[in-house]
PDB file of all heavy atoms in Angstrom:
ATOM      1  N   ILE A   1     108.963  99.477  96.990  1.00  0.00           N
ATOM      2  CA  ILE A   1     109.350 100.524  96.037  1.00  0.00           C
ATOM      3  C   ILE A   1     109.907 101.725  96.804  1.00  0.00           C
ATOM      4  O   ILE A   1     110.971 102.264  96.455  1.00  0.00           O
ATOM      5  CB  ILE A   1     108.160 100.928  95.143  1.00  0.00           C
ATOM      6  CG1 ILE A   1     107.840  99.799  94.169  1.00  0.00           C
ATOM      7  CG2 ILE A   1     108.460 102.223  94.395  1.00  0.00           C
ATOM      8  CD1 ILE A   1     106.559 100.000  93.377  1.00  0.00           C
ATOM      9  N   VAL A   2     109.213 102.141  97.860  1.00  0.00           N
ATOM     10  CA  VAL A   2     109.702 103.258  98.681  1.00  0.00           C
ATOM     11  C   VAL A   2     111.049 102.905  99.291  1.00  0.00           C
ATOM     12  O   VAL A   2     111.994 103.720  99.267  1.00  0.00           O
ATOM     13  CB  VAL A   2     108.674 103.625  99.778  1.00  0.00           C
ATOM     14  CG1 VAL A   2     109.262 104.587 100.800  1.00  0.00           C
ATOM     15  CG2 VAL A   2     107.416 104.204  99.149  1.00  0.00           C
ATOM     16  N   LEU A   3     111.171 101.696  99.822  1.00  0.00           N
ATOM     17  CA  LEU A   3     112.438 101.260 100.409  1.00  0.00           C
ATOM     18  C   LEU A   3     113.564 101.258  99.379  1.00  0.00           C
ATOM     19  O   LEU A   3     114.682 101.694  99.662  1.00  0.00           O
ATOM     20  CB  LEU A   3     112.278  99.868 101.030  1.00  0.00           C
ATOM     21  CG  LEU A   3     113.473  99.321 101.793  1.00  0.00           C
ATOM     22  CD1 LEU A   3     113.784 100.208 102.999  1.00  0.00           C
ATOM     23  CD2 LEU A   3     113.203  97.899 102.238  1.00  0.00           C
ATOM     24  N   ALA A   4     113.261 100.796  98.174  1.00  0.00           N
ATOM     25  CA  ALA A   4     114.285 100.760  97.119  1.00  0.00           C
ATOM     26  C   ALA A   4     114.745 102.164  96.734  1.00  0.00           C
ATOM     27  O   ALA A   4     115.892 102.362  96.350  1.00  0.00           O
ATOM     28  CB  ALA A   4     113.748 100.027  95.893  1.00  0.00           C
ATOM     29  N   VAL A   5     113.858 103.137  96.859  1.00  0.00           N
ATOM     30  CA  VAL A   5     114.219 104.519  96.509  1.00  0.00           C
ATOM     31  C   VAL A   5     115.025 105.182  97.627  1.00  0.00           C
ATOM     32  O   VAL A   5     116.002 105.888  97.358  1.00  0.00           O
ATOM     33  CB  VAL A   5     112.946 105.340  96.189  1.00  0.00           C
ATOM     34  CG1 VAL A   5     113.262 106.824  96.062  1.00  0.00           C
ATOM     35  CG2 VAL A   5     112.294 104.822  94.923  1.00  0.00           C
ATOM     36  N   VAL A   6     114.655 104.948  98.879  1.00  0.00           N
ATOM     37  CA  VAL A   6     115.286 105.662  99.990  1.00  0.00           C
ATOM     38  C   VAL A   6     116.368 104.868 100.714  1.00  0.00           C
ATOM     39  O   VAL A   6     116.947 105.365 101.669  1.00  0.00           O
ATOM     40  CB  VAL A   6     114.229 106.139 101.021  1.00  0.00           C
ATOM     41  CG1 VAL A   6     113.228 107.062 100.378  1.00  0.00           C
ATOM     42  CG2 VAL A   6     113.562 104.981 101.713  1.00  0.00           C
ATOM     43  N   VAL A   7     116.660 103.668 100.273  1.00  0.00           N
ATOM     44  CA  VAL A   7     117.638 102.812 100.939  1.00  0.00           C
ATOM     45  C   VAL A   7     119.038 103.451 100.887  1.00  0.00           C
ATOM     46  O   VAL A   7     119.336 104.276 100.027  1.00  0.00           O
ATOM     47  CB  VAL A   7     117.625 101.395 100.315  1.00  0.00           C
ATOM     48  CG1 VAL A   7     118.293 101.381  98.964  1.00  0.00           C
ATOM     49  CG2 VAL A   7     118.247 100.377 101.237  1.00  0.00           C
ATOM     50  N   ALA A   8     119.855 103.030 101.813  1.00  0.00           N
ATOM     51  CA  ALA A   8     121.216 103.578 101.923  1.00  0.00           C
ATOM     52  C   ALA A   8     121.974 103.449 100.602  1.00  0.00           C
ATOM     53  O   ALA A   8     121.738 102.515  99.824  1.00  0.00           O
ATOM     54  CB  ALA A   8     121.963 102.851 103.030  1.00  0.00           C
ATOM     55  N   PRO A   9     122.879 104.393 100.353  1.00  0.00           N
ATOM     56  CA  PRO A   9     123.599 104.421  99.071  1.00  0.00           C
ATOM     57  C   PRO A   9     124.475 103.193  98.790  1.00  0.00           C
ATOM     58  O   PRO A   9     124.830 102.949  97.646  1.00  0.00           O
ATOM     59  CB  PRO A   9     124.475 105.665  99.164  1.00  0.00           C
ATOM     60  CG  PRO A   9     124.044 106.405 100.358  1.00  0.00           C
ATOM     61  CD  PRO A   9     123.195 105.527 101.185  1.00  0.00           C
ATOM     62  N   GLN A  10     124.829 102.416  99.810  1.00  0.00           N
ATOM     63  CA  GLN A  10     125.667 101.242  99.533  1.00  0.00           C
ATOM     64  C   GLN A  10     124.917 100.165  98.753  1.00  0.00           C
ATOM     65  O   GLN A  10     125.532  99.266  98.192  1.00  0.00           O
ATOM     66  CB  GLN A  10     126.274 100.661 100.820  1.00  0.00           C
ATOM     67  CG  GLN A  10     125.314  99.954 101.726  1.00  0.00           C
ATOM     68  CD  GLN A  10     124.850 100.843 102.872  1.00  0.00           C
ATOM     69  OE1 GLN A  10     124.886 102.060 102.789  1.00  0.00           O
ATOM     70  NE2 GLN A  10     124.410 100.224 103.947  1.00  0.00           N
ATOM     71  N   PHE A  11     123.590 100.248  98.691  1.00  0.00           N
ATOM     72  CA  PHE A  11     122.818  99.316  97.876  1.00  0.00           C
ATOM     73  C   PHE A  11     122.855  99.777  96.419  1.00  0.00           C
ATOM     74  O   PHE A  11     122.581 100.930  96.114  1.00  0.00           O
ATOM     75  CB  PHE A  11     121.363  99.238  98.359  1.00  0.00           C
ATOM     76  CG  PHE A  11     121.199  98.494  99.655  1.00  0.00           C
ATOM     77  CD1 PHE A  11     121.193  99.178 100.864  1.00  0.00           C
ATOM     78  CD2 PHE A  11     121.065  97.119  99.662  1.00  0.00           C
ATOM     79  CE1 PHE A  11     121.046  98.496 102.059  1.00  0.00           C
ATOM     80  CE2 PHE A  11     120.914  96.430 100.853  1.00  0.00           C
ATOM     81  CZ  PHE A  11     120.909  97.125 102.062  1.00  0.00           C
ATOM     82  N   LYS A  12     123.213  98.875  95.565  1.00  0.00           N
ATOM     83  CA  LYS A  12     123.337  99.187  94.136  1.00  0.00           C
ATOM     84  C   LYS A  12     121.979  99.044  93.445  1.00  0.00           C
ATOM     85  O   LYS A  12     121.017  98.563  94.027  1.00  0.00           O
ATOM     86  CB  LYS A  12     124.357  98.250  93.473  1.00  0.00           C
ATOM     87  CG  LYS A  12     125.715  98.268  94.123  1.00  0.00           C
ATOM     88  CD  LYS A  12     126.350  99.634  93.961  1.00  0.00           C
ATOM     89  CE  LYS A  12     127.719  99.640  94.614  1.00  0.00           C
ATOM     90  NZ  LYS A  12     128.037 100.873  95.271  1.00  0.00           N
ATOM     91  N   LEU A  13     121.938  99.422  92.183  1.00  0.00           N
ATOM     92  CA  LEU A  13     120.709  99.325  91.394  1.00  0.00           C
ATOM     93  C   LEU A  13     120.186  97.894  91.363  1.00  0.00           C
ATOM     94  O   LEU A  13     118.984  97.657  91.498  1.00  0.00           O
ATOM     95  CB  LEU A  13     120.950  99.838  89.970  1.00  0.00           C
ATOM     96  CG  LEU A  13     119.749  99.741  89.035  1.00  0.00           C
ATOM     97  CD1 LEU A  13     118.601 100.603  89.546  1.00  0.00           C
ATOM     98  CD2 LEU A  13     120.124 100.132  87.623  1.00  0.00           C
ATOM     99  N   PHE A  14     121.095  96.941  91.218  1.00  0.00           N
ATOM    100  CA  PHE A  14     120.701  95.536  91.178  1.00  0.00           C
ATOM    101  C   PHE A  14     119.964  95.140  92.462  1.00  0.00           C
ATOM    102  O   PHE A  14     118.934  94.455  92.424  1.00  0.00           O
ATOM    103  CB  PHE A  14     121.929  94.643  90.962  1.00  0.00           C
ATOM    104  CG  PHE A  14     121.600  93.178  90.914  1.00  0.00           C
ATOM    105  CD1 PHE A  14     120.963  92.632  89.806  1.00  0.00           C
ATOM    106  CD2 PHE A  14     121.902  92.339  91.981  1.00  0.00           C
ATOM    107  CE1 PHE A  14     120.644  91.281  89.758  1.00  0.00           C
ATOM    108  CE2 PHE A  14     121.594  90.992  91.940  1.00  0.00           C
ATOM    109  CZ  PHE A  14     120.968  90.457  90.829  1.00  0.00           C
ATOM    110  N   ASP A  15     120.463  95.586  93.621  1.00  0.00           N
ATOM    111  CA  ASP A  15     119.827  95.280  94.908  1.00  0.00           C
ATOM    112  C   ASP A  15     118.431  95.896  94.981  1.00  0.00           C
ATOM    113  O   ASP A  15     117.484  95.269  95.467  1.00  0.00           O
ATOM    114  CB  ASP A  15     120.671  95.813  96.059  1.00  0.00           C
ATOM    115  CG  ASP A  15     122.066  95.210  96.076  1.00  0.00           C
ATOM    116  OD1 ASP A  15     122.173  93.990  95.836  1.00  0.00           O
ATOM    117  OD2 ASP A  15     123.025  95.957  96.329  1.00  0.00           O
ATOM    118  N   ARG A  16     118.318  97.094  94.493  1.00  0.00           N
ATOM    119  CA  ARG A  16     117.038  97.792  94.521  1.00  0.00           C
ATOM    120  C   ARG A  16     116.019  97.104  93.601  1.00  0.00           C
ATOM    121  O   ARG A  16     114.839  96.964  93.949  1.00  0.00           O
ATOM    122  CB  ARG A  16     117.227  99.246  94.112  1.00  0.00           C
ATOM    123  CG  ARG A  16     118.083 100.022  95.099  1.00  0.00           C
ATOM    124  CD  ARG A  16     118.530 101.357  94.520  1.00  0.00           C
ATOM    125  NE  ARG A  16     119.566 101.949  95.317  1.00  0.00           N
ATOM    126  CZ  ARG A  16     119.380 102.992  96.115  1.00  0.00           C
ATOM    127  NH1 ARG A  16     118.200 103.560  96.192  1.00  0.00           N
ATOM    128  NH2 ARG A  16     120.383 103.477  96.818  1.00  0.00           N
ATOM    129  N   VAL A  17     116.473  96.675  92.449  1.00  0.00           N
ATOM    130  CA  VAL A  17     115.587  95.957  91.520  1.00  0.00           C
ATOM    131  C   VAL A  17     115.141  94.634  92.139  1.00  0.00           C
ATOM    132  O   VAL A  17     113.971  94.234  92.022  1.00  0.00           O
ATOM    133  CB  VAL A  17     116.283  95.740  90.158  1.00  0.00           C
ATOM    134  CG1 VAL A  17     115.502  94.779  89.284  1.00  0.00           C
ATOM    135  CG2 VAL A  17     116.484  97.078  89.453  1.00  0.00           C
ATOM    136  N   LEU A  18     116.060  93.954  92.820  1.00  0.00           N
ATOM    137  CA  LEU A  18     115.695  92.695  93.477  1.00  0.00           C
ATOM    138  C   LEU A  18     114.658  92.908  94.572  1.00  0.00           C
ATOM    139  O   LEU A  18     113.791  92.052  94.782  1.00  0.00           O
ATOM    140  CB  LEU A  18     116.929  92.005  94.047  1.00  0.00           C
ATOM    141  CG  LEU A  18     117.776  91.244  93.034  1.00  0.00           C
ATOM    142  CD1 LEU A  18     118.963  90.577  93.720  1.00  0.00           C
ATOM    143  CD2 LEU A  18     116.947  90.194  92.312  1.00  0.00           C
ATOM    144  N   MET A  19     114.735  94.022  95.279  1.00  0.00           N
ATOM    145  CA  MET A  19     113.718  94.323  96.303  1.00  0.00           C
ATOM    146  C   MET A  19     112.329  94.410  95.677  1.00  0.00           C
ATOM    147  O   MET A  19     111.365  93.824  96.180  1.00  0.00           O
ATOM    148  CB  MET A  19     114.030  95.657  96.994  1.00  0.00           C
ATOM    149  CG  MET A  19     115.199  95.632  97.910  1.00  0.00           C
ATOM    150  SD  MET A  19     115.429  97.316  98.528  1.00  0.00           S
ATOM    151  CE  MET A  19     116.698  97.042  99.720  1.00  0.00           C
ATOM    152  N   VAL A  20     112.244  95.142  94.593  1.00  0.00           N
ATOM    153  CA  VAL A  20     110.954  95.305  93.916  1.00  0.00           C
ATOM    154  C   VAL A  20     110.516  93.979  93.289  1.00  0.00           C
ATOM    155  O   VAL A  20     109.332  93.631  93.320  1.00  0.00           O
ATOM    156  CB  VAL A  20     111.027  96.443  92.878  1.00  0.00           C
ATOM    157  CG1 VAL A  20     109.737  96.551  92.089  1.00  0.00           C
ATOM    158  CG2 VAL A  20     111.352  97.765  93.573  1.00  0.00           C
ATOM    159  N   ALA A  21     111.451  93.223  92.748  1.00  0.00           N
ATOM    160  CA  ALA A  21     111.109  91.925  92.162  1.00  0.00           C
ATOM    161  C   ALA A  21     110.582  90.967  93.235  1.00  0.00           C
ATOM    162  O   ALA A  21     109.617  90.231  93.001  1.00  0.00           O
ATOM    163  CB  ALA A  21     112.327  91.322  91.464  1.00  0.00           C
ATOM    164  N   PHE A  22     111.208  91.000  94.410  1.00  0.00           N
ATOM    165  CA  PHE A  22     110.724  90.167  95.518  1.00  0.00           C
ATOM    166  C   PHE A  22     109.287  90.546  95.878  1.00  0.00           C
ATOM    167  O   PHE A  22     108.434  89.677  96.077  1.00  0.00           O
ATOM    168  CB  PHE A  22     111.642  90.308  96.737  1.00  0.00           C
ATOM    169  CG  PHE A  22     111.122  89.593  97.944  1.00  0.00           C
ATOM    170  CD1 PHE A  22     111.183  88.204  98.030  1.00  0.00           C
ATOM    171  CD2 PHE A  22     110.549  90.295  98.988  1.00  0.00           C
ATOM    172  CE1 PHE A  22     110.682  87.538  99.135  1.00  0.00           C
ATOM    173  CE2 PHE A  22     110.044  89.636 100.100  1.00  0.00           C
ATOM    174  CZ  PHE A  22     110.113  88.257 100.177  1.00  0.00           C
ATOM    175  N   ALA A  23     109.021  91.831  95.941  1.00  0.00           N
ATOM    176  CA  ALA A  23     107.665  92.297  96.242  1.00  0.00           C
ATOM    177  C   ALA A  23     106.686  91.829  95.173  1.00  0.00           C
ATOM    178  O   ALA A  23     105.551  91.449  95.477  1.00  0.00           O
ATOM    179  CB  ALA A  23     107.645  93.818  96.359  1.00  0.00           C
ATOM    180  N   ALA A  24     107.115  91.845  93.920  1.00  0.00           N
ATOM    181  CA  ALA A  24     106.253  91.392  92.826  1.00  0.00           C
ATOM    182  C   ALA A  24     105.940  89.899  92.953  1.00  0.00           C
ATOM    183  O   ALA A  24     104.800  89.476  92.704  1.00  0.00           O
ATOM    184  CB  ALA A  24     106.900  91.692  91.479  1.00  0.00           C
ATOM    185  N   VAL A  25     106.917  89.109  93.360  1.00  0.00           N
ATOM    186  CA  VAL A  25     106.688  87.667  93.541  1.00  0.00           C
ATOM    187  C   VAL A  25     105.706  87.430  94.686  1.00  0.00           C
ATOM    188  O   VAL A  25     104.780  86.624  94.570  1.00  0.00           O
ATOM    189  CB  VAL A  25     108.022  86.919  93.782  1.00  0.00           C
ATOM    190  CG1 VAL A  25     107.785  85.491  94.241  1.00  0.00           C
ATOM    191  CG2 VAL A  25     108.873  86.935  92.523  1.00  0.00           C
ATOM    192  N   VAL A  26     105.883  88.151  95.789  1.00  0.00           N
ATOM    193  CA  VAL A  26     104.958  88.016  96.913  1.00  0.00           C
ATOM    194  C   VAL A  26     103.553  88.434  96.484  1.00  0.00           C
ATOM    195  O   VAL A  26     102.567  87.761  96.798  1.00  0.00           O
ATOM    196  CB  VAL A  26     105.448  88.846  98.126  1.00  0.00           C
ATOM    197  CG1 VAL A  26     104.383  88.901  99.210  1.00  0.00           C
ATOM    198  CG2 VAL A  26     106.744  88.269  98.676  1.00  0.00           C
ATOM    199  N   ALA A  27     103.441  89.514  95.733  1.00  0.00           N
ATOM    200  CA  ALA A  27     102.141  89.978  95.248  1.00  0.00           C
ATOM    201  C   ALA A  27     101.502  88.940  94.325  1.00  0.00           C
ATOM    202  O   ALA A  27     100.288  88.718  94.377  1.00  0.00           O
ATOM    203  CB  ALA A  27     102.296  91.316  94.531  1.00  0.00           C
ATOM    204  N   TRP A  28     102.306  88.289  93.491  1.00  0.00           N
ATOM    205  CA  TRP A  28     101.787  87.252  92.597  1.00  0.00           C
ATOM    206  C   TRP A  28     101.228  86.076  93.398  1.00  0.00           C
ATOM    207  O   TRP A  28     100.136  85.569  93.094  1.00  0.00           O
ATOM    208  CB  TRP A  28     102.877  86.783  91.639  1.00  0.00           C
ATOM    209  CG  TRP A  28     102.442  85.648  90.763  1.00  0.00           C
ATOM    210  CD1 TRP A  28     101.645  85.720  89.671  1.00  0.00           C
ATOM    211  CD2 TRP A  28     102.765  84.260  90.945  1.00  0.00           C
ATOM    212  NE1 TRP A  28     101.451  84.461  89.142  1.00  0.00           N
ATOM    213  CE2 TRP A  28     102.134  83.548  89.903  1.00  0.00           C
ATOM    214  CE3 TRP A  28     103.530  83.566  91.861  1.00  0.00           C
ATOM    215  CZ2 TRP A  28     102.231  82.176  89.785  1.00  0.00           C
ATOM    216  CZ3 TRP A  28     103.634  82.188  91.734  1.00  0.00           C
ATOM    217  CH2 TRP A  28     102.990  81.512  90.703  1.00  0.00           C
TER     218      TRP A  28
END
């Protein structure tokens, strides 16, 4: 979540959502 918020601007919203979704899958 922190990475998705502070990541470089070239990452779009979709990329940021995928980061958090990946973390959610690992947590599951």
